[in-house]
C-alpha atoms as a PDB file:
ATOM      1  CA  UNK A   1      -2.709  -1.258 -31.116  1.00  0.00           C
ATOM      2  CA  UNK A   2      -3.726   1.445 -28.242  1.00  0.00           C
ATOM      3  CA  UNK A   3      -4.783   0.144 -24.973  1.00  0.00           C
ATOM      4  CA  UNK A   4      -7.580   2.342 -23.191  1.00  0.00           C
ATOM      5  CA  UNK A   5      -7.038   2.536 -19.490  1.00  0.00           C
ATOM      6  CA  UNK A   6     -10.654   1.716 -19.188  1.00  0.00           C
ATOM      7  CA  UNK A   7      -9.930  -1.761 -21.133  1.00  0.00           C
ATOM      8  CA  UNK A   8      -7.012  -2.288 -18.862  1.00  0.00           C
ATOM      9  CA  UNK A   9      -8.593  -2.018 -15.771  1.00  0.00           C
ATOM     10  CA  UNK A  10     -11.827  -3.974 -16.874  1.00  0.00           C
ATOM     11  CA  UNK A  11      -9.254  -7.153 -18.003  1.00  0.00           C
ATOM     12  CA  UNK A  12      -7.444  -6.686 -14.847  1.00  0.00           C
ATOM     13  CA  UNK A  13     -10.470  -6.548 -12.693  1.00  0.00           C
ATOM     14  CA  UNK A  14     -11.674  -9.579 -14.493  1.00  0.00           C
ATOM     15  CA  UNK A  15      -8.750 -11.759 -14.282  1.00  0.00           C
ATOM     16  CA  UNK A  16      -8.457 -10.863 -10.385  1.00  0.00           C
ATOM     17  CA  UNK A  17     -12.160 -12.000  -9.767  1.00  0.00           C
ATOM     18  CA  UNK A  18     -11.281 -15.703 -11.001  1.00  0.00           C
ATOM     19  CA  UNK A  19      -9.697 -16.909  -8.284  1.00  0.00           C
ATOM     20  CA  UNK A  20     -11.013 -16.745  -4.558  1.00  0.00           C
ATOM     21  CA  UNK A  21      -9.513 -14.391  -2.060  1.00  0.00           C
ATOM     22  CA  UNK A  22      -7.995 -15.211   1.134  1.00  0.00           C
ATOM     23  CA  UNK A  23     -11.427 -14.545   3.066  1.00  0.00           C
ATOM     24  CA  UNK A  24     -13.167 -16.279   0.584  1.00  0.00           C
ATOM     25  CA  UNK A  25     -11.232 -19.502   0.865  1.00  0.00           C
ATOM     26  CA  UNK A  26     -11.545 -19.246   4.783  1.00  0.00           C
ATOM     27  CA  UNK A  27     -15.508 -18.941   3.896  1.00  0.00           C
ATOM     28  CA  UNK A  28     -15.188 -22.071   1.905  1.00  0.00           C
ATOM     29  CA  UNK A  29     -13.386 -24.244   4.710  1.00  0.00           C
ATOM     30  CA  UNK A  30     -16.125 -22.706   6.994  1.00  0.00           C
ATOM     31  CA  UNK A  31     -18.893 -24.192   4.651  1.00  0.00           C
ATOM     32  CA  UNK A  32     -17.133 -27.261   4.124  1.00  0.00           C
ATOM     33  CA  UNK A  33     -17.009 -27.803   7.892  1.00  0.00           C
ATOM     34  CA  UNK A  34     -20.559 -26.991   8.256  1.00  0.00           C
ATOM     35  CA  UNK A  35     -22.365 -27.534   4.876  1.00  0.00           C
ATOM     36  CA  UNK A  36     -25.971 -27.139   6.306  1.00  0.00           C
ATOM     37  CA  UNK A  37     -26.424 -25.310   9.698  1.00  0.00           C
ATOM     38  CA  UNK A  38     -30.085 -26.492   9.852  1.00  0.00           C
ATOM     39  CA  UNK A  39     -28.803 -30.076   9.308  1.00  0.00           C
ATOM     40  CA  UNK A  40     -26.344 -29.900  12.147  1.00  0.00           C
ATOM     41  CA  UNK A  41     -28.949 -28.819  14.410  1.00  0.00           C
ATOM     42  CA  UNK A  42     -31.127 -31.975  13.701  1.00  0.00           C
ATOM     43  CA  UNK A  43     -27.827 -34.146  13.505  1.00  0.00           C
ATOM     44  CA  UNK A  44     -25.445 -33.532  16.227  1.00  0.00           C
ATOM     45  CA  UNK A  45     -22.538 -34.272  14.292  1.00  0.00           C
ATOM     46  CA  UNK A  46     -19.139 -33.138  15.997  1.00  0.00           C
ATOM     47  CA  UNK A  47     -17.163 -30.921  13.548  1.00  0.00           C
ATOM     48  CA  UNK A  48     -14.222 -28.591  14.373  1.00  0.00           C
ATOM     49  CA  UNK A  49     -14.716 -24.895  14.485  1.00  0.00           C
ATOM     50  CA  UNK A  50     -12.991 -22.951  11.420  1.00  0.00           C
ATOM     51  CA  UNK A  51     -10.404 -21.708  14.266  1.00  0.00           C
ATOM     52  CA  UNK A  52      -9.868 -25.269  15.278  1.00  0.00           C
ATOM     53  CA  UNK A  53      -9.539 -26.595  11.781  1.00  0.00           C
ATOM     54  CA  UNK A  54      -6.657 -23.812  11.143  1.00  0.00           C
ATOM     55  CA  UNK A  55      -5.085 -24.480  14.454  1.00  0.00           C
ATOM     56  CA  UNK A  56      -5.042 -28.624  13.951  1.00  0.00           C
ATOM     57  CA  UNK A  57      -1.747 -30.382  13.721  1.00  0.00           C
ATOM     58  CA  UNK A  58      -0.655 -31.120  10.361  1.00  0.00           C
ATOM     59  CA  UNK A  59      -1.457 -34.516  10.432  1.00  0.00           C
ATOM     60  CA  UNK A  60      -5.207 -33.655  11.236  1.00  0.00           C
ATOM     61  CA  UNK A  61      -5.475 -30.861   8.660  1.00  0.00           C
ATOM     62  CA  UNK A  62      -4.397 -33.006   5.981  1.00  0.00           C
ATOM     63  CA  UNK A  63      -7.145 -35.821   6.752  1.00  0.00           C
ATOM     64  CA  UNK A  64     -10.303 -36.148   5.011  1.00  0.00           C
ATOM     65  CA  UNK A  65     -11.899 -37.806   7.673  1.00  0.00           C
ATOM     66  CA  UNK A  66     -11.345 -34.890  10.197  1.00  0.00           C
ATOM     67  CA  UNK A  67     -13.920 -32.543   8.255  1.00  0.00           C
ATOM     68  CA  UNK A  68     -15.178 -34.582   5.362  1.00  0.00           C
ATOM     69  CA  UNK A  69     -13.868 -31.856   2.715  1.00  0.00           C
ATOM     70  CA  UNK A  70     -14.205 -34.501  -0.096  1.00  0.00           C
ATOM     71  CA  UNK A  71     -17.769 -34.112   0.134  1.00  0.00           C
ATOM     72  CA  UNK A  72     -17.806 -30.212  -0.531  1.00  0.00           C
ATOM     73  CA  UNK A  73     -18.359 -28.511  -3.851  1.00  0.00           C
ATOM     74  CA  UNK A  74     -18.331 -24.700  -4.400  1.00  0.00           C
ATOM     75  CA  UNK A  75     -21.142 -23.036  -6.291  1.00  0.00           C
ATOM     76  CA  UNK A  76     -18.696 -22.654  -9.376  1.00  0.00           C
ATOM     77  CA  UNK A  77     -18.038 -26.223  -9.399  1.00  0.00           C
ATOM     78  CA  UNK A  78     -14.636 -25.935  -7.736  1.00  0.00           C
ATOM     79  CA  UNK A  79     -13.925 -28.895  -5.272  1.00  0.00           C
ATOM     80  CA  UNK A  80     -12.207 -28.901  -1.839  1.00  0.00           C
ATOM     81  CA  UNK A  81      -9.973 -31.990  -1.604  1.00  0.00           C
ATOM     82  CA  UNK A  82      -6.611 -33.201  -0.289  1.00  0.00           C
ATOM     83  CA  UNK A  83      -4.399 -34.349  -2.844  1.00  0.00           C
ATOM     84  CA  UNK A  84      -1.283 -36.476  -2.574  1.00  0.00           C
ATOM     85  CA  UNK A  85       1.782 -34.275  -3.570  1.00  0.00           C
ATOM     86  CA  UNK A  86       3.049 -36.942  -5.757  1.00  0.00           C
ATOM     87  CA  UNK A  87       0.069 -36.032  -8.022  1.00  0.00           C
ATOM     88  CA  UNK A  88       0.671 -32.277  -8.051  1.00  0.00           C
ATOM     89  CA  UNK A  89       2.632 -30.493 -10.483  1.00  0.00           C
ATOM     90  CA  UNK A  90       4.000 -26.906 -10.518  1.00  0.00           C
ATOM     91  CA  UNK A  91       2.305 -24.090 -12.529  1.00  0.00           C
ATOM     92  CA  UNK A  92       3.987 -23.283 -15.691  1.00  0.00           C
ATOM     93  CA  UNK A  93       2.877 -20.135 -15.993  1.00  0.00           C
ATOM     94  CA  UNK A  94       3.364 -19.254 -12.322  1.00  0.00           C
ATOM     95  CA  UNK A  95       3.498 -15.500 -11.845  1.00  0.00           C
ATOM     96  CA  UNK A  96       6.198 -15.973  -9.073  1.00  0.00           C
ATOM     97  CA  UNK A  97       9.566 -17.396 -10.246  1.00  0.00           C
ATOM     98  CA  UNK A  98      11.648 -16.526  -7.331  1.00  0.00           C
ATOM     99  CA  UNK A  99      11.171 -18.410  -3.650  1.00  0.00           C
ATOM    100  CA  UNK A 100      13.250 -17.637  -0.786  1.00  0.00           C
ATOM    101  CA  UNK A 101      14.486 -20.806   1.348  1.00  0.00           C
ATOM    102  CA  UNK A 102      14.194 -18.971   4.535  1.00  0.00           C
ATOM    103  CA  UNK A 103      10.556 -18.097   3.719  1.00  0.00           C
ATOM    104  CA  UNK A 104       9.832 -21.721   3.012  1.00  0.00           C
ATOM    105  CA  UNK A 105      11.406 -22.665   6.607  1.00  0.00           C
ATOM    106  CA  UNK A 106       9.163 -20.182   8.306  1.00  0.00           C
ATOM    107  CA  UNK A 107       6.019 -21.545   6.596  1.00  0.00           C
ATOM    108  CA  UNK A 108       6.816 -25.255   7.349  1.00  0.00           C
ATOM    109  CA  UNK A 109       7.409 -24.109  11.094  1.00  0.00           C
ATOM    110  CA  UNK A 110       3.938 -22.434  10.995  1.00  0.00           C
ATOM    111  CA  UNK A 111       2.216 -25.289   9.232  1.00  0.00           C
ATOM    112  CA  UNK A 112       3.847 -27.952  11.832  1.00  0.00           C
ATOM    113  CA  UNK A 113       2.388 -25.883  14.504  1.00  0.00           C
ATOM    114  CA  UNK A 114      -0.793 -24.832  13.005  1.00  0.00           C
ATOM    115  CA  UNK A 115      -1.502 -26.744  10.205  1.00  0.00           C
ATOM    116  CA  UNK A 116      -2.104 -25.932   6.791  1.00  0.00           C
ATOM    117  CA  UNK A 117      -4.202 -22.236   7.238  1.00  0.00           C
ATOM    118  CA  UNK A 118      -5.015 -21.660   3.484  1.00  0.00           C
ATOM    119  CA  UNK A 119      -6.017 -24.078   0.748  1.00  0.00           C
ATOM    120  CA  UNK A 120      -4.033 -23.945  -2.565  1.00  0.00           C
ATOM    121  CA  UNK A 121      -5.584 -23.470  -5.769  1.00  0.00           C
ATOM    122  CA  UNK A 122      -5.467 -26.303  -8.404  1.00  0.00           C
ATOM    123  CA  UNK A 123      -6.859 -27.499 -11.690  1.00  0.00           C
ATOM    124  CA  UNK A 124      -7.093 -31.090 -13.213  1.00  0.00           C
ATOM    125  CA  UNK A 125      -5.138 -31.756 -16.528  1.00  0.00           C
ATOM    126  CA  UNK A 126      -4.497 -35.233 -18.051  1.00  0.00           C
ATOM    127  CA  UNK A 127      -5.074 -36.930 -14.610  1.00  0.00           C
ATOM    128  CA  UNK A 128      -2.779 -34.498 -12.789  1.00  0.00           C
ATOM    129  CA  UNK A 129      -3.399 -31.603 -10.519  1.00  0.00           C
ATOM    130  CA  UNK A 130      -1.471 -28.396 -11.584  1.00  0.00           C
ATOM    131  CA  UNK A 131      -1.208 -26.151  -8.817  1.00  0.00           C
ATOM    132  CA  UNK A 132      -2.245 -22.592  -9.745  1.00  0.00           C
ATOM    133  CA  UNK A 133      -1.427 -20.877  -6.476  1.00  0.00           C
ATOM    134  CA  UNK A 134       0.406 -22.101  -3.083  1.00  0.00           C
ATOM    135  CA  UNK A 135       3.843 -22.883  -4.382  1.00  0.00           C
ATOM    136  CA  UNK A 136       5.292 -21.781  -1.039  1.00  0.00           C
ATOM    137  CA  UNK A 137       2.770 -23.964   0.888  1.00  0.00           C
ATOM    138  CA  UNK A 138       3.675 -26.991  -1.205  1.00  0.00           C
ATOM    139  CA  UNK A 139       7.464 -26.443  -0.676  1.00  0.00           C
ATOM    140  CA  UNK A 140       7.007 -26.079   3.108  1.00  0.00           C
ATOM    141  CA  UNK A 141       4.624 -29.297   3.038  1.00  0.00           C
ATOM    142  CA  UNK A 142       7.192 -31.379   1.191  1.00  0.00           C
ATOM    143  CA  UNK A 143       9.716 -29.990   3.777  1.00  0.00           C
ATOM    144  CA  UNK A 144       7.897 -31.271   6.536  1.00  0.00           C
ATOM    145  CA  UNK A 145       7.521 -34.649   4.979  1.00  0.00           C
ATOM    146  CA  UNK A 146       3.750 -34.785   4.541  1.00  0.00           C
ATOM    147  CA  UNK A 147       2.052 -36.668   1.978  1.00  0.00           C
ATOM    148  CA  UNK A 148      -1.005 -34.553   1.146  1.00  0.00           C
ATOM    149  CA  UNK A 149      -2.168 -30.818   0.550  1.00  0.00           C
ATOM    150  CA  UNK A 150      -5.332 -29.349   0.848  1.00  0.00           C
ATOM    151  CA  UNK A 151      -6.448 -27.378  -2.518  1.00  0.00           C
ATOM    152  CA  UNK A 152      -9.372 -25.795  -4.051  1.00  0.00           C
ATOM    153  CA  UNK A 153      -9.905 -27.701  -7.501  1.00  0.00           C
ATOM    154  CA  UNK A 154     -11.388 -25.712 -10.279  1.00  0.00           C
ATOM    155  CA  UNK A 155     -12.350 -27.247 -13.564  1.00  0.00           C
ATOM    156  CA  UNK A 156     -11.037 -26.694 -17.026  1.00  0.00           C
ATOM    157  CA  UNK A 157      -8.653 -23.686 -16.282  1.00  0.00           C
ATOM    158  CA  UNK A 158      -6.975 -22.489 -19.431  1.00  0.00           C
ATOM    159  CA  UNK A 159      -3.208 -21.457 -19.605  1.00  0.00           C
ATOM    160  CA  UNK A 160      -4.225 -17.778 -19.282  1.00  0.00           C
ATOM    161  CA  UNK A 161      -6.114 -18.679 -15.863  1.00  0.00           C
ATOM    162  CA  UNK A 162      -2.964 -20.429 -14.614  1.00  0.00           C
ATOM    163  CA  UNK A 163      -1.369 -17.240 -14.830  1.00  0.00           C
ATOM    164  CA  UNK A 164      -3.969 -14.612 -14.039  1.00  0.00           C
ATOM    165  CA  UNK A 165      -5.143 -16.420 -10.811  1.00  0.00           C
ATOM    166  CA  UNK A 166      -1.370 -16.898  -9.812  1.00  0.00           C
ATOM    167  CA  UNK A 167      -1.010 -13.438 -10.484  1.00  0.00           C
ATOM    168  CA  UNK A 168      -3.579 -12.403  -8.090  1.00  0.00           C
ATOM    169  CA  UNK A 169      -2.718 -14.777  -5.278  1.00  0.00           C
ATOM    170  CA  UNK A 170       0.785 -13.392  -5.149  1.00  0.00           C
ATOM    171  CA  UNK A 171      -0.215  -9.710  -5.500  1.00  0.00           C
ATOM    172  CA  UNK A 172      -2.696 -10.149  -2.688  1.00  0.00           C
ATOM    173  CA  UNK A 173       0.053 -11.430  -0.439  1.00  0.00           C
ATOM    174  CA  UNK A 174       2.816  -9.113  -1.598  1.00  0.00           C
ATOM    175  CA  UNK A 175       3.577  -7.036  -4.894  1.00  0.00           C
ATOM    176  CA  UNK A 176       5.037  -8.842  -7.535  1.00  0.00           C
ATOM    177  CA  UNK A 177       8.693  -8.185  -8.118  1.00  0.00           C
ATOM    178  CA  UNK A 178       9.865  -6.729 -11.567  1.00  0.00           C
ATOM    179  CA  UNK A 179      12.118  -9.735 -11.832  1.00  0.00           C
ATOM    180  CA  UNK A 180       9.277 -12.238 -11.301  1.00  0.00           C
ATOM    181  CA  UNK A 181       7.190 -10.372 -13.703  1.00  0.00           C
ATOM    182  CA  UNK A 182       9.921 -10.362 -16.327  1.00  0.00           C
ATOM    183  CA  UNK A 183      10.592 -14.075 -15.942  1.00  0.00           C
ATOM    184  CA  UNK A 184       6.773 -15.290 -15.919  1.00  0.00           C
ATOM    185  CA  UNK A 185       5.912 -13.023 -19.140  1.00  0.00           C
ATOM    186  CA  UNK A 186       9.108 -14.369 -20.914  1.00  0.00           C
ATOM    187  CA  UNK A 187       7.585 -17.906 -20.360  1.00  0.00           C
ATOM    188  CA  UNK A 188       3.883 -16.719 -21.377  1.00  0.00           C
ATOM    189  CA  UNK A 189       5.302 -15.355 -24.687  1.00  0.00           C
ATOM    190  CA  UNK A 190       7.404 -18.074 -25.615  1.00  0.00           C
ATOM    191  CA  UNK A 191       4.511 -20.490 -24.712  1.00  0.00           C
ATOM    192  CA  UNK A 192       2.357 -18.038 -27.033  1.00  0.00           C
ATOM    193  CA  UNK A 193      -0.065 -18.125 -24.023  1.00  0.00           C
ATOM    194  CA  UNK A 194      -0.174 -14.362 -24.876  1.00  0.00           C
ATOM    195  CA  UNK A 195       0.893 -13.113 -28.536  1.00  0.00           C
ATOM    196  CA  UNK A 196       2.696 -10.147 -27.549  1.00  0.00           C
ATOM    197  CA  UNK A 197       3.406  -7.709 -24.715  1.00  0.00           C
ATOM    198  CA  UNK A 198       0.407  -5.686 -25.934  1.00  0.00           C
ATOM    199  CA  UNK A 199      -1.599  -8.616 -24.660  1.00  0.00           C
ATOM    200  CA  UNK A 200       0.160  -8.976 -21.247  1.00  0.00           C
ATOM    201  CA  UNK A 201      -0.471  -5.215 -20.788  1.00  0.00           C
ATOM    202  CA  UNK A 202      -4.110  -5.791 -21.275  1.00  0.00           C
ATOM    203  CA  UNK A 203      -4.168  -8.791 -18.855  1.00  0.00           C
ATOM    204  CA  UNK A 204      -2.346  -7.152 -16.156  1.00  0.00           C
ATOM    205  CA  UNK A 205      -3.745  -3.411 -16.397  1.00  0.00           C
ATOM    206  CA  UNK A 206      -0.048  -2.358 -16.606  1.00  0.00           C
ATOM    207  CA  UNK A 207       1.056   0.143 -19.312  1.00  0.00           C
ATOM    208  CA  UNK A 208       3.034  -0.928 -22.193  1.00  0.00           C
ATOM    209  CA  UNK A 209       5.737   1.141 -21.526  1.00  0.00           C
ATOM    210  CA  UNK A 210       6.135  -0.518 -18.514  1.00  0.00           C
ATOM    211  CA  UNK A 211       5.869  -4.117 -19.981  1.00  0.00           C
ATOM    212  CA  UNK A 212       8.511  -3.079 -22.022  1.00  0.00           C
ATOM    213  CA  UNK A 213      10.928  -1.662 -19.532  1.00  0.00           C
ATOM    214  CA  UNK A 214      10.293  -4.909 -17.400  1.00  0.00           C
ATOM    215  CA  UNK A 215      11.114  -7.329 -20.385  1.00  0.00           C
ATOM    216  CA  UNK A 216      14.308  -5.343 -20.845  1.00  0.00           C
ATOM    217  CA  UNK A 217      15.724  -6.478 -17.453  1.00  0.00           C
ATOM    218  CA  UNK A 218      16.204  -9.883 -19.188  1.00  0.00           C
ATOM    219  CA  UNK A 219      19.057  -8.123 -21.161  1.00  0.00           C
ATOM    220  CA  UNK A 220      20.848  -7.956 -18.083  1.00  0.00           C
ATOM    221  CA  UNK A 221      23.912 -10.454 -17.787  1.00  0.00           C
ATOM    222  CA  UNK A 222      23.613 -13.969 -15.565  1.00  0.00           C
ATOM    223  CA  UNK A 223      25.958 -12.317 -13.009  1.00  0.00           C
ATOM    224  CA  UNK A 224      23.816  -9.186 -12.288  1.00  0.00           C
ATOM    225  CA  UNK A 225      20.725 -11.237 -12.237  1.00  0.00           C
ATOM    226  CA  UNK A 226      22.092 -13.788  -9.875  1.00  0.00           C
ATOM    227  CA  UNK A 227      22.593 -10.508  -7.422  1.00  0.00           C
ATOM    228  CA  UNK A 228      19.161  -9.200  -7.967  1.00  0.00           C
ATOM    229  CA  UNK A 229      17.370 -12.522  -7.041  1.00  0.00           C
ATOM    230  CA  UNK A 230      19.138 -12.406  -3.759  1.00  0.00           C
ATOM    231  CA  UNK A 231      16.368  -9.885  -2.805  1.00  0.00           C
ATOM    232  CA  UNK A 232      14.162  -9.050  -5.877  1.00  0.00           C
ATOM    233  CA  UNK A 233      11.952  -6.674  -3.891  1.00  0.00           C
ATOM    234  CA  UNK A 234      14.976  -4.368  -3.405  1.00  0.00           C
ATOM    235  CA  UNK A 235      14.804  -3.398  -7.036  1.00  0.00           C
ATOM    236  CA  UNK A 236      12.410  -1.005  -8.427  1.00  0.00           C
ATOM    237  CA  UNK A 237      11.565  -0.960 -12.163  1.00  0.00           C
ATOM    238  CA  UNK A 238      12.969   2.397 -12.471  1.00  0.00           C
ATOM    239  CA  UNK A 239      16.207   1.171 -11.120  1.00  0.00           C
ATOM    240  CA  UNK A 240      16.487  -1.913 -12.985  1.00  0.00           C
ATOM    241  CA  UNK A 241      15.677  -0.071 -16.374  1.00  0.00           C
ATOM    242  CA  UNK A 242      18.731   2.335 -15.631  1.00  0.00           C
ATOM    243  CA  UNK A 243      20.753  -0.509 -14.618  1.00  0.00           C
ATOM    244  CA  UNK A 244      20.296  -2.388 -18.203  1.00  0.00           C
ATOM    245  CA  UNK A 245      21.364   0.718 -19.869  1.00  0.00           C
ATOM    246  CA  UNK A 246      24.311   1.202 -17.372  1.00  0.00           C
ATOM    247  CA  UNK A 247      25.593  -2.463 -17.895  1.00  0.00           C
ATOM    248  CA  UNK A 248      25.395  -1.969 -21.626  1.00  0.00           C
ATOM    249  CA  UNK A 249      27.964   1.064 -21.341  1.00  0.00           C
ATOM    250  CA  UNK A 250      30.224   0.058 -18.545  1.00  0.00           C
ATOM    251  CA  UNK A 251      30.400  -3.624 -18.693  1.00  0.00           C
ATOM    252  CA  UNK A 252      29.142  -6.893 -16.943  1.00  0.00           C
ATOM    253  CA  UNK A 253      31.827  -6.441 -13.933  1.00  0.00           C
ATOM    254  CA  UNK A 254      30.746  -2.786 -13.308  1.00  0.00           C
ATOM    255  CA  UNK A 255      27.126  -3.831 -13.720  1.00  0.00           C
ATOM    256  CA  UNK A 256      27.577  -6.661 -11.081  1.00  0.00           C
ATOM    257  CA  UNK A 257      28.946  -3.813  -8.562  1.00  0.00           C
ATOM    258  CA  UNK A 258      26.011  -1.429  -9.166  1.00  0.00           C
ATOM    259  CA  UNK A 259      23.519  -4.089  -8.513  1.00  0.00           C
ATOM    260  CA  UNK A 260      25.260  -4.913  -5.272  1.00  0.00           C
ATOM    261  CA  UNK A 261      25.109  -1.488  -4.228  1.00  0.00           C
ATOM    262  CA  UNK A 262      21.311  -1.472  -4.967  1.00  0.00           C
ATOM    263  CA  UNK A 263      20.549  -4.452  -3.223  1.00  0.00           C
ATOM    264  CA  UNK A 264      22.538  -2.644  -0.239  1.00  0.00           C
ATOM    265  CA  UNK A 265      20.517   0.409  -0.537  1.00  0.00           C
ATOM    266  CA  UNK A 266      23.367   2.534  -1.312  1.00  0.00           C
ATOM    267  CA  UNK A 267      22.425   3.822  -4.711  1.00  0.00           C
ATOM    268  CA  UNK A 268      19.174   4.644  -6.557  1.00  0.00           C
ATOM    269  CA  UNK A 269      17.837   5.213 -10.136  1.00  0.00           C
ATOM    270  CA  UNK A 270      19.303   8.715 -10.230  1.00  0.00           C
ATOM    271  CA  UNK A 271      22.664   7.525  -9.291  1.00  0.00           C
ATOM    272  CA  UNK A 272      22.724   4.952 -11.821  1.00  0.00           C
ATOM    273  CA  UNK A 273      21.753   7.307 -14.321  1.00  0.00           C
ATOM    274  CA  UNK A 274      24.399   9.893 -13.471  1.00  0.00           C
ATOM    275  CA  UNK A 275      27.229   7.161 -13.610  1.00  0.00           C
ATOM    276  CA  UNK A 276      26.048   6.030 -17.019  1.00  0.00           C
ATOM    277  CA  UNK A 277      26.180   9.528 -18.039  1.00  0.00           C
ATOM    278  CA  UNK A 278      29.672  10.420 -17.130  1.00  0.00           C
ATOM    279  CA  UNK A 279      30.807   6.901 -18.623  1.00  0.00           C
ATOM    280  CA  UNK A 280      29.092   7.769 -21.903  1.00  0.00           C
ATOM    281  CA  UNK A 281      30.555  11.548 -21.887  1.00  0.00           C
ATOM    282  CA  UNK A 282      33.964  10.001 -21.323  1.00  0.00           C
ATOM    283  CA  UNK A 283      34.164   7.682 -24.211  1.00  0.00           C
ATOM    284  CA  UNK A 284      32.854  10.536 -26.392  1.00  0.00           C
ATOM    285  CA  UNK A 285      35.810  12.557 -25.431  1.00  0.00           C
ATOM    286  CA  UNK A 286      38.245   9.638 -26.067  1.00  0.00           C
ATOM    287  CA  UNK A 287      36.559   9.364 -29.684  1.00  0.00           C
ATOM    288  CA  UNK A 288      37.871  12.724 -30.236  1.00  0.00           C
ATOM    289  CA  UNK A 289      41.454  12.120 -31.407  1.00  0.00           C
ATOM    290  CA  UNK A 290      44.165  14.479 -32.297  1.00  0.00           C
ATOM    291  CA  UNK A 291      45.493  14.390 -35.516  1.00  0.00           C
ATOM    292  CA  UNK A 292      49.020  14.512 -36.573  1.00  0.00           C
ATOM    293  CA  UNK A 293      49.452  17.274 -39.574  1.00  0.00           C
ATOM    294  CA  UNK A 294      52.221  17.322 -42.240  1.00  0.00           C
ATOM    295  CA  UNK A 295      52.645  20.531 -44.730  1.00  0.00           C
ATOM    296  CA  UNK A 296      53.075  19.510 -48.334  1.00  0.00           C
ATOM    297  CA  UNK A 297      55.330  21.384 -50.485  1.00  0.00           C
ATOM    298  CA  UNK A 298      56.269  21.776 -54.154  1.00  0.00           C
ATOM    299  CA  UNK A 299      59.238  23.995 -55.466  1.00  0.00           C
ATOM    300  CA  UNK A 300      59.569  25.622 -52.091  1.00  0.00           C
ATOM    301  CA  UNK A 301      55.874  26.547 -52.016  1.00  0.00           C
ATOM    302  CA  UNK A 302      53.237  25.067 -49.697  1.00  0.00           C
ATOM    303  CA  UNK A 303      50.314  23.373 -51.759  1.00  0.00           C
ATOM    304  CA  UNK A 304      48.536  21.791 -48.999  1.00  0.00           C
ATOM    305  CA  UNK A 305      48.423  19.328 -45.801  1.00  0.00           C
ATOM    306  CA  UNK A 306      48.258  15.758 -44.787  1.00  0.00           C
ATOM    307  CA  UNK A 307      46.628  14.670 -41.733  1.00  0.00           C
ATOM    308  CA  UNK A 308      46.345  11.187 -40.045  1.00  0.00           C
ATOM    309  CA  UNK A 309      44.631   9.846 -36.887  1.00  0.00           C
ATOM    310  CA  UNK A 310      45.686   6.724 -34.911  1.00  0.00           C
ATOM    311  CA  UNK A 311      42.016   5.154 -35.726  1.00  0.00           C
ATOM    312  CA  UNK A 312      43.557   4.767 -39.389  1.00  0.00           C
ATOM    313  CA  UNK A 313      41.984   7.819 -40.889  1.00  0.00           C
ATOM    314  CA  UNK A 314      44.016   9.646 -43.476  1.00  0.00           C
ATOM    315  CA  UNK A 315      43.245  12.984 -45.176  1.00  0.00           C
ATOM    316  CA  UNK A 316      45.011  15.133 -47.944  1.00  0.00           C
ATOM    317  CA  UNK A 317      44.121  18.168 -49.279  1.00  0.00           C
ATOM    318  CA  UNK A 318      46.257  19.888 -51.994  1.00  0.00           C
ATOM    319  CA  UNK A 319      45.886  22.724 -54.248  1.00  0.00           C
ATOM    320  CA  UNK A 320      47.331  22.707 -57.789  1.00  0.00           C
ATOM    321  CA  UNK A 321      48.111  25.954 -59.744  1.00  0.00           C
ATOM    322  CA  UNK A 322      48.028  23.951 -62.829  1.00  0.00           C
ATOM    323  CA  UNK A 323      45.241  21.523 -64.225  1.00  0.00           C
ATOM    324  CA  UNK A 324      47.821  19.085 -65.788  1.00  0.00           C
ATOM    325  CA  UNK A 325      49.677  18.569 -62.627  1.00  0.00           C
ATOM    326  CA  UNK A 326      46.163  17.999 -60.689  1.00  0.00           C
ATOM    327  CA  UNK A 327      45.428  15.414 -63.273  1.00  0.00           C
ATOM    328  CA  UNK A 328      48.737  13.686 -63.229  1.00  0.00           C
ATOM    329  CA  UNK A 329      48.865  13.480 -59.435  1.00  0.00           C
ATOM    330  CA  UNK A 330      45.248  12.047 -59.435  1.00  0.00           C
ATOM    331  CA  UNK A 331      46.003   9.510 -62.156  1.00  0.00           C
ATOM    332  CA  UNK A 332      49.258   8.596 -59.925  1.00  0.00           C
ATOM    333  CA  UNK A 333      47.095   7.857 -57.024  1.00  0.00           C
ATOM    334  CA  UNK A 334      44.443   5.974 -58.803  1.00  0.00           C
ATOM    335  CA  UNK A 335      47.308   3.698 -60.063  1.00  0.00           C
ATOM    336  CA  UNK A 336      48.898   3.421 -56.533  1.00  0.00           C
ATOM    337  CA  UNK A 337      45.707   2.588 -55.124  1.00  0.00           C
ATOM    338  CA  UNK A 338      44.380   0.394 -57.858  1.00  0.00           C
ATOM    339  CA  UNK A 339      41.131   2.472 -58.385  1.00  0.00           C
ATOM    340  CA  UNK A 340      39.205   1.544 -61.289  1.00  0.00           C
ATOM    341  CA  UNK A 341      38.587   4.172 -64.164  1.00  0.00           C
END
């Protein structure tokens, strides 16, 4: 199935528009704090400003009584709620698969000092809140020992929505890594959220060849993937695709060594390609074995030659002046080799 760039772009744009952006969510918080400007003029209710809300300590930010967020519903029907973290489940189709402990620690310090600055995104399924986006925030909140998380809860999100919205959320903050994409797409295909790689190409706006190359990364050994997970952003798709082909030729140990060089910024795609080419060239030379040759004589006259190779190959070439001798010799070979008539 051919995918036009126009269709890919349209589908990607549609998926990207499903989740509110960072600015949109700040606006939602602002509206939650000031739901009716005219009403606040007639009713002198003390409500914190957005910057005060964002800078409040976690105990205040994660308190309904502070801003009355439980009353706010967006025009699309999404609700701003504070949800006990024991009711929150991780997104099974999250676009991000790898989380750095040091970043969780940094975010925990920020939340401890300034409060949860950005609500997560969630949907309600079977009485549980599935966190669509905000997994770093959830980890940081748990690390702080807090009991609730501020989330924007959307109704009736599909499995594809769970992926598309998390994909956009992550892409807004930092580019998705190739390994994150490969791992999340594998789950999407295994769970039949998307039927094939073509549908993933349509949903993400990426070309089908790049989808194919990304998925090929999962062919790498666990040992090599462990190296990549240390800093996935250091591994471009082009370098990883070359690494897949290199490890297939050089073996796991060499694949790990090459991955470490990529991690340290010592080599790139061209270097890996060159190393693989040299290995393949060497193996081709090795396959060209030298044969051992013997002269075959009869009645003091050379009638042919016998050749053998260490690989097990044997070749016999004889020329008989008389047909009867040829037939006699062939029949003898057939009998010795038990070749059926």
